[in-house]
Protein backbone atom coordinates (compact mmCIF):
# COMPACT_ATOMS: atom_id res chain seq x y z
CA MET A 1 91.24 72.07 91.17
CA LYS A 2 93.74 74.86 90.26
CA GLN A 3 95.74 75.30 92.75
CA VAL A 4 99.59 77.21 94.44
CA LEU A 5 101.64 74.27 95.46
CA VAL A 6 105.66 75.34 97.62
CA SER A 7 107.26 71.96 97.27
CA HIS A 8 110.71 73.32 97.95
CA ASN A 9 111.61 76.03 100.26
CA GLY A 10 112.93 78.60 98.15
CA GLY A 11 112.23 82.01 96.18
CA PRO A 12 109.28 82.64 94.30
CA GLU A 13 110.00 80.47 91.56
CA GLN A 14 109.20 77.67 94.03
CA LEU A 15 105.54 78.32 93.48
CA ALA A 16 104.24 76.14 91.00
CA VAL A 17 100.18 76.30 89.35
CA THR A 18 99.36 72.63 89.32
CA GLU A 19 95.98 70.61 89.06
CA GLY A 20 94.99 69.50 92.66
CA PRO A 21 92.28 66.93 93.74
CA SER A 22 88.76 68.05 94.63
CA SER A 23 89.09 69.32 98.87
CA GLN A 24 86.04 68.02 101.46
CA PRO A 25 85.83 69.10 104.37
CA SER A 26 86.60 67.65 107.55
CA LYS A 27 84.95 67.35 110.70
CA GLY A 28 84.37 71.71 112.38
CA GLU A 29 85.56 72.44 108.52
CA VAL A 30 83.71 74.49 105.50
CA LEU A 31 84.49 74.09 102.11
CA VAL A 32 85.06 77.59 100.40
CA GLN A 33 85.22 78.89 96.67
CA VAL A 34 87.61 81.25 97.22
CA GLU A 35 86.67 84.98 95.19
CA ALA A 36 90.36 85.83 96.80
CA ALA A 37 93.48 85.20 98.20
CA GLY A 38 95.54 88.32 100.50
CA ILE A 39 99.26 88.18 99.74
CA ASN A 40 100.93 89.20 103.04
CA TYR A 41 104.38 89.56 104.49
CA VAL A 42 104.40 85.81 106.43
CA ASP A 43 103.61 83.19 102.90
CA ILE A 44 107.35 84.47 101.93
CA ALA A 45 108.27 83.53 105.22
CA GLN A 46 107.31 80.49 105.37
CA ARG A 47 107.86 80.00 101.78
CA GLU A 48 110.86 80.69 102.45
CA GLY A 49 112.00 78.52 105.58
CA LEU A 50 112.19 80.82 108.13
CA PHE A 51 108.46 79.42 109.08
CA GLU A 52 108.65 75.91 108.36
CA LEU A 53 106.14 73.98 106.91
CA PRO A 54 105.32 70.20 105.61
CA LYS A 55 105.26 69.90 102.22
CA PRO A 56 104.42 70.09 99.53
CA TYR A 57 101.40 72.84 101.07
CA VAL A 58 99.65 75.08 99.07
CA PRO A 59 100.38 79.17 101.51
CA GLY A 60 98.44 82.11 101.77
CA VAL A 61 96.24 81.94 105.40
CA GLU A 62 93.75 84.67 104.33
CA GLY A 63 90.53 85.00 102.15
CA VAL A 64 87.18 85.80 101.01
CA GLY A 65 85.06 83.18 99.39
CA THR A 66 81.46 81.40 99.78
CA ILE A 67 80.75 78.50 101.93
CA THR A 68 79.82 75.48 99.64
CA ALA A 69 79.53 72.12 101.80
CA LEU A 70 79.85 72.27 105.43
CA GLY A 71 81.64 68.94 107.59
CA GLU A 72 80.25 67.65 110.68
CA GLY A 73 79.18 69.50 113.62
CA VAL A 74 80.04 73.35 111.42
CA ALA A 75 76.32 75.33 113.63
CA GLY A 76 76.52 79.00 112.95
CA LEU A 77 77.20 78.97 109.58
CA LYS A 78 75.62 77.50 105.95
CA ARG A 79 76.14 77.28 102.47
CA GLY A 80 75.79 80.39 100.77
CA ASP A 81 77.87 82.44 103.46
CA ARG A 82 80.58 85.07 102.26
CA ILE A 83 82.92 84.92 104.64
CA GLY A 84 86.69 85.48 105.32
CA TRP A 85 89.24 83.68 106.41
CA VAL A 86 92.39 84.37 108.66
CA ASP A 87 95.04 82.50 109.84
CA ALA A 88 94.11 78.76 107.93
CA LEU A 89 96.57 78.18 105.17
CA GLY A 90 95.27 77.06 101.89
CA SER A 91 94.02 80.33 100.20
CA TYR A 92 96.30 80.65 97.21
CA ALA A 93 94.05 77.28 95.73
CA GLU A 94 90.33 77.54 93.60
CA PHE A 95 89.01 75.78 96.48
CA ALA A 96 89.96 75.68 100.38
CA THR A 97 89.36 73.98 103.59
CA VAL A 98 88.86 76.61 106.07
CA PRO A 99 88.26 76.41 110.22
CA ALA A 100 84.81 76.38 110.47
CA ALA A 101 86.27 78.18 114.30
CA ARG A 102 88.76 80.44 111.66
CA ALA A 103 85.41 82.18 109.22
CA ILE A 104 84.59 85.59 110.20
CA VAL A 105 80.48 86.00 108.29
CA LEU A 106 81.22 89.25 105.69
CA PRO A 107 79.32 91.44 104.83
CA ARG A 108 77.38 91.01 101.61
CA SER A 109 78.72 94.82 100.75
CA PHE A 110 81.85 94.50 101.01
CA ALA A 111 84.80 95.28 97.84
CA ILE A 112 87.12 92.25 97.83
CA GLU A 113 89.48 94.43 99.46
CA GLN A 114 87.29 95.04 102.88
CA GLY A 115 86.78 90.60 103.20
CA LEU A 116 90.41 90.07 102.96
CA LEU A 117 91.01 90.98 107.24
CA LEU A 118 94.51 90.70 108.04
CA GLN A 119 95.64 93.76 107.29
CA ALA A 120 92.76 95.73 108.73
CA MET A 121 93.40 93.35 112.20
CA THR A 122 96.47 94.24 112.61
CA ALA A 123 96.08 98.04 112.80
CA GLN A 124 93.50 96.89 115.47
CA TYR A 125 95.91 95.05 117.73
CA LEU A 126 98.61 97.81 117.45
CA VAL A 127 96.57 100.54 118.21
CA HIS A 128 95.13 99.11 120.83
CA GLU A 129 97.53 96.86 122.47
CA TYR A 130 100.83 99.03 123.63
CA ARG A 131 98.81 102.23 124.27
CA ASP A 132 96.07 103.74 125.56
CA ILE A 133 96.24 106.03 122.67
CA THR A 134 94.86 109.80 123.01
CA ALA A 135 95.00 112.63 121.03
CA LYS A 136 97.64 113.81 123.90
CA ASP A 137 99.98 111.14 121.26
CA ILE A 138 102.51 111.49 118.52
CA ALA A 139 102.56 108.07 117.05
CA LEU A 140 105.72 107.28 114.20
CA VAL A 141 104.41 105.15 111.27
CA HIS A 142 107.34 103.05 109.10
CA ALA A 143 106.47 102.21 105.81
CA ALA A 144 102.99 104.10 105.70
CA ALA A 145 102.04 103.47 102.25
CA GLY A 146 102.36 99.92 102.93
CA GLY A 147 98.37 97.75 103.45
CA VAL A 148 99.33 97.94 107.32
CA GLY A 149 100.80 101.15 107.12
CA GLN A 150 97.48 103.26 105.32
CA LEU A 151 95.13 101.39 108.07
CA LEU A 152 97.44 102.34 110.73
CA ILE A 153 97.49 105.50 110.15
CA GLN A 154 93.71 106.00 110.05
CA TRP A 155 93.58 104.22 113.22
CA LEU A 156 95.31 106.82 114.66
CA LYS A 157 93.76 109.55 113.82
CA HIS A 158 90.75 108.44 114.28
CA LEU A 159 91.69 107.52 118.11
CA GLY A 160 93.15 111.72 117.97
CA ALA A 161 96.89 111.13 117.33
CA THR A 162 99.93 113.05 115.75
CA VAL A 163 101.17 111.05 113.11
CA ILE A 164 104.54 111.12 111.35
CA ALA A 165 105.13 108.56 108.39
CA THR A 166 107.79 107.82 106.84
CA ALA A 167 107.99 105.61 103.12
CA SER A 168 110.39 105.46 100.32
CA SER A 169 109.66 107.38 97.67
CA GLU A 170 107.17 110.80 96.49
CA GLU A 171 104.15 109.10 95.30
CA LYS A 172 104.35 106.68 98.89
CA LEU A 173 104.86 109.51 100.90
CA GLN A 174 101.25 110.85 99.05
CA ILE A 175 99.34 108.27 99.97
CA ALA A 176 100.41 108.63 103.37
CA ARG A 177 99.22 112.41 103.73
CA ASP A 178 96.18 111.25 101.77
CA ARG A 179 94.62 109.40 104.59
CA GLY A 180 95.62 111.20 107.00
CA ALA A 181 99.61 112.07 108.27
CA ASP A 182 100.44 115.11 109.86
CA GLU A 183 104.47 114.61 108.61
CA VAL A 184 105.92 113.13 106.21
CA ILE A 185 109.75 111.55 105.88
CA ASN A 186 111.30 110.28 103.13
CA TYR A 187 113.41 107.33 105.48
CA ARG A 188 116.02 106.62 101.83
CA THR A 189 116.91 110.17 101.85
CA THR A 190 116.45 111.54 104.79
CA ASP A 191 117.65 110.41 109.01
CA PHE A 192 114.57 109.96 109.99
CA ALA A 193 115.57 110.43 113.73
CA ASP A 194 116.85 113.74 113.65
CA ARG A 195 113.82 114.72 111.35
CA VAL A 196 111.19 113.27 113.76
CA HIS A 197 113.08 115.32 116.64
CA ASP A 198 113.46 118.24 114.55
CA ILE A 199 109.17 118.57 113.92
CA THR A 200 108.69 117.27 117.58
CA GLN A 201 111.07 120.57 119.00
CA GLY A 202 112.91 118.03 120.69
CA ARG A 203 110.40 115.49 122.09
CA GLY A 204 109.99 112.37 120.13
CA VAL A 205 107.26 110.21 119.46
CA ASP A 206 105.26 108.17 121.67
CA ILE A 207 104.66 104.83 120.10
CA ALA A 208 106.52 103.63 116.80
CA TYR A 209 104.97 101.43 114.69
CA ASP A 210 108.25 99.14 113.12
CA SER A 211 107.77 96.82 110.40
CA VAL A 212 111.10 97.07 108.72
CA GLY A 213 113.44 96.24 110.75
CA LYS A 214 117.17 96.10 109.64
CA ALA A 215 116.91 98.82 108.11
CA THR A 216 114.48 101.21 110.74
CA LEU A 217 114.23 100.24 113.97
CA LEU A 218 118.02 101.64 115.36
CA GLY A 219 116.17 104.68 114.56
CA SER A 220 113.26 103.90 115.51
CA VAL A 221 114.27 103.77 119.79
CA ALA A 222 115.80 107.26 118.77
CA SER A 223 113.20 108.67 117.72
CA LEU A 224 111.02 107.97 121.34
CA ALA A 225 110.31 110.63 123.54
CA ARG A 226 110.39 109.88 127.47
CA GLY A 227 108.55 106.56 128.40
CA GLY A 228 108.49 105.67 124.61
CA THR A 229 107.69 102.24 122.44
CA VAL A 230 108.64 100.16 119.31
CA VAL A 231 106.83 97.55 117.90
CA SER A 232 108.26 96.01 115.97
CA PHE A 233 105.70 93.96 114.13
CA GLY A 234 107.92 92.88 110.27
CA ALA A 235 111.13 93.12 109.06
CA SER A 236 110.57 93.59 104.77
CA SER A 237 114.19 94.72 105.04
CA GLY A 238 116.17 92.40 106.86
CA ALA A 239 116.61 90.76 110.30
CA PRO A 240 116.25 93.56 112.71
CA PRO A 241 120.01 94.01 114.65
CA ALA A 242 120.09 93.28 118.55
CA ILE A 243 119.56 95.82 120.81
CA GLU A 244 121.62 96.06 123.93
CA PRO A 245 119.66 97.25 127.10
CA HIS A 246 121.32 100.60 128.21
CA ILE A 247 119.91 101.25 125.06
CA LEU A 248 116.83 101.54 126.26
CA MET A 249 117.27 102.75 129.65
CA ALA A 250 118.67 106.20 129.15
CA LYS A 251 115.09 107.57 128.70
CA SER A 252 112.96 104.10 129.57
CA VAL A 253 112.00 103.50 126.32
CA ARG A 254 110.48 100.35 125.60
CA LEU A 255 110.77 97.07 123.11
CA ALA A 256 107.57 95.50 121.97
CA GLY A 257 107.00 92.31 119.61
CA GLY A 258 104.03 91.71 118.02
CA ALA A 259 102.24 89.22 115.80
CA LEU A 260 98.85 89.17 114.57
CA PHE A 261 98.72 85.41 115.34
CA ALA A 262 98.82 85.84 118.85
CA TYR A 263 96.36 87.68 119.37
CA ILE A 264 93.78 86.00 117.14
CA ALA A 265 94.36 82.45 118.53
CA ASP A 266 91.16 82.01 120.56
CA PRO A 267 88.21 81.76 118.47
CA HIS A 268 86.42 84.07 120.67
CA GLU A 269 89.48 86.47 120.39
CA LEU A 270 89.23 86.40 116.45
CA GLN A 271 85.73 86.70 116.31
CA ARG A 272 85.98 90.10 118.90
CA ARG A 273 88.57 91.55 116.68
CA ALA A 274 86.99 90.59 113.33
CA LYS A 275 83.60 92.96 114.75
CA ILE A 276 85.89 95.30 115.23
CA VAL A 277 87.41 95.85 112.18
CA ILE A 278 83.75 95.31 110.01
CA ASP A 279 82.48 97.75 112.45
CA ALA A 280 85.28 100.38 111.42
CA LEU A 281 84.71 99.67 107.26
CA GLU A 282 80.74 99.85 107.87
CA ALA A 283 80.96 103.22 109.48
CA GLY A 284 82.93 104.32 106.95
CA TRP A 285 86.61 105.88 109.08
CA LEU A 286 87.95 103.08 108.32
CA LYS A 287 88.75 102.48 104.31
CA VAL A 288 90.64 100.51 102.47
CA ALA A 289 92.60 101.28 98.98
CA PRO A 290 91.85 98.46 95.72
CA ALA A 291 93.95 96.00 95.87
CA SER A 292 96.40 95.21 93.28
CA GLN A 293 95.06 91.52 91.86
CA TYR A 294 97.38 89.05 90.62
CA THR A 295 96.29 84.98 89.03
CA LEU A 296 96.89 82.20 90.50
CA SER A 297 99.77 81.88 87.83
CA ASP A 298 101.36 84.84 88.31
CA ALA A 299 101.98 83.77 91.95
CA ALA A 300 105.84 84.29 91.97
CA ARG A 301 105.58 88.27 90.46
CA ALA A 302 102.94 88.49 93.10
CA HIS A 303 105.78 87.17 95.13
CA ALA A 304 108.70 89.11 94.17
CA ASP A 305 106.31 92.25 93.83
CA LEU A 306 105.82 92.06 97.62
CA GLU A 307 109.50 91.07 98.52
CA GLY A 308 110.32 94.48 95.69
CA ARG A 309 107.45 96.97 97.65
CA ALA A 310 106.79 97.19 93.84
CA LYS A 311 103.43 97.72 95.36
CA HIS A 312 101.86 99.68 98.15
CA GLY A 313 98.73 98.75 99.43
CA LYS A 314 96.97 95.32 99.25
CA LEU A 315 97.64 92.46 96.92
CA VAL A 316 95.90 89.86 96.12
CA LEU A 317 95.61 86.21 93.74
CA ILE A 318 92.09 85.88 91.82
CA PRO A 319 91.44 82.19 90.82
């Protein structure tokens, strides 16, 4: 089978398409014919060595596909089931072995991008774990045209919050507006913290979602209302700066970190959160934009596009 292999840490050029042996599921695993593999920032961090993995390895922690074989002891799944998975390495390939405990049965009607659940599950935990969001709340969403950003806007609006969104171009700001953002700010051309205080008449925001990191974290803290919270869950612009405690003390604000994998480590939690997302997608109030598709041989270009933020929304590999 064709697969993408990483043998050394480094840039996108380390993604090499190779021929690998046909996989067979071990005990507790299923073999899946991959329909699409999601491309995520965690894949880049692993490739660069920020999260060290034994090499060589097949990257990709998220995918959607059809079960073709069952390993010993697998119950509740069958050949022909269409599943999604999150936090199971090896998705950049024509076939992947997936732990049965990480498999999420999908509705047959779902498009590829609906079945790739990592970003929607990220939005789910971000919205529900750090504040009881109500119609009184004002939220700040950075990278609002990205896959998670678009979903965050929709989820926050579903709960009644006012949403201020930032992005780096007029095209991306329009995407945020289309997803329901009440106000938009170009953070490349405007001091977004000052603009947030203008929009809120000096109040600030109750919660800020920051996946950008170096370029935005200090401004996110400065944008908070008294008692507000920044959730740092990514670093697309580089590692966030250190925050001195006294910066948080004046308005009694909080800085929290977030990682989806911590919230779905337990298989029951994975299934519970996946069901919430699937129900939202089926109900229609949560919508996923069509994905930008690449072939396995274009994996290096796909990583470069994600790193350079050349695309908006979801990026996927199609074997």
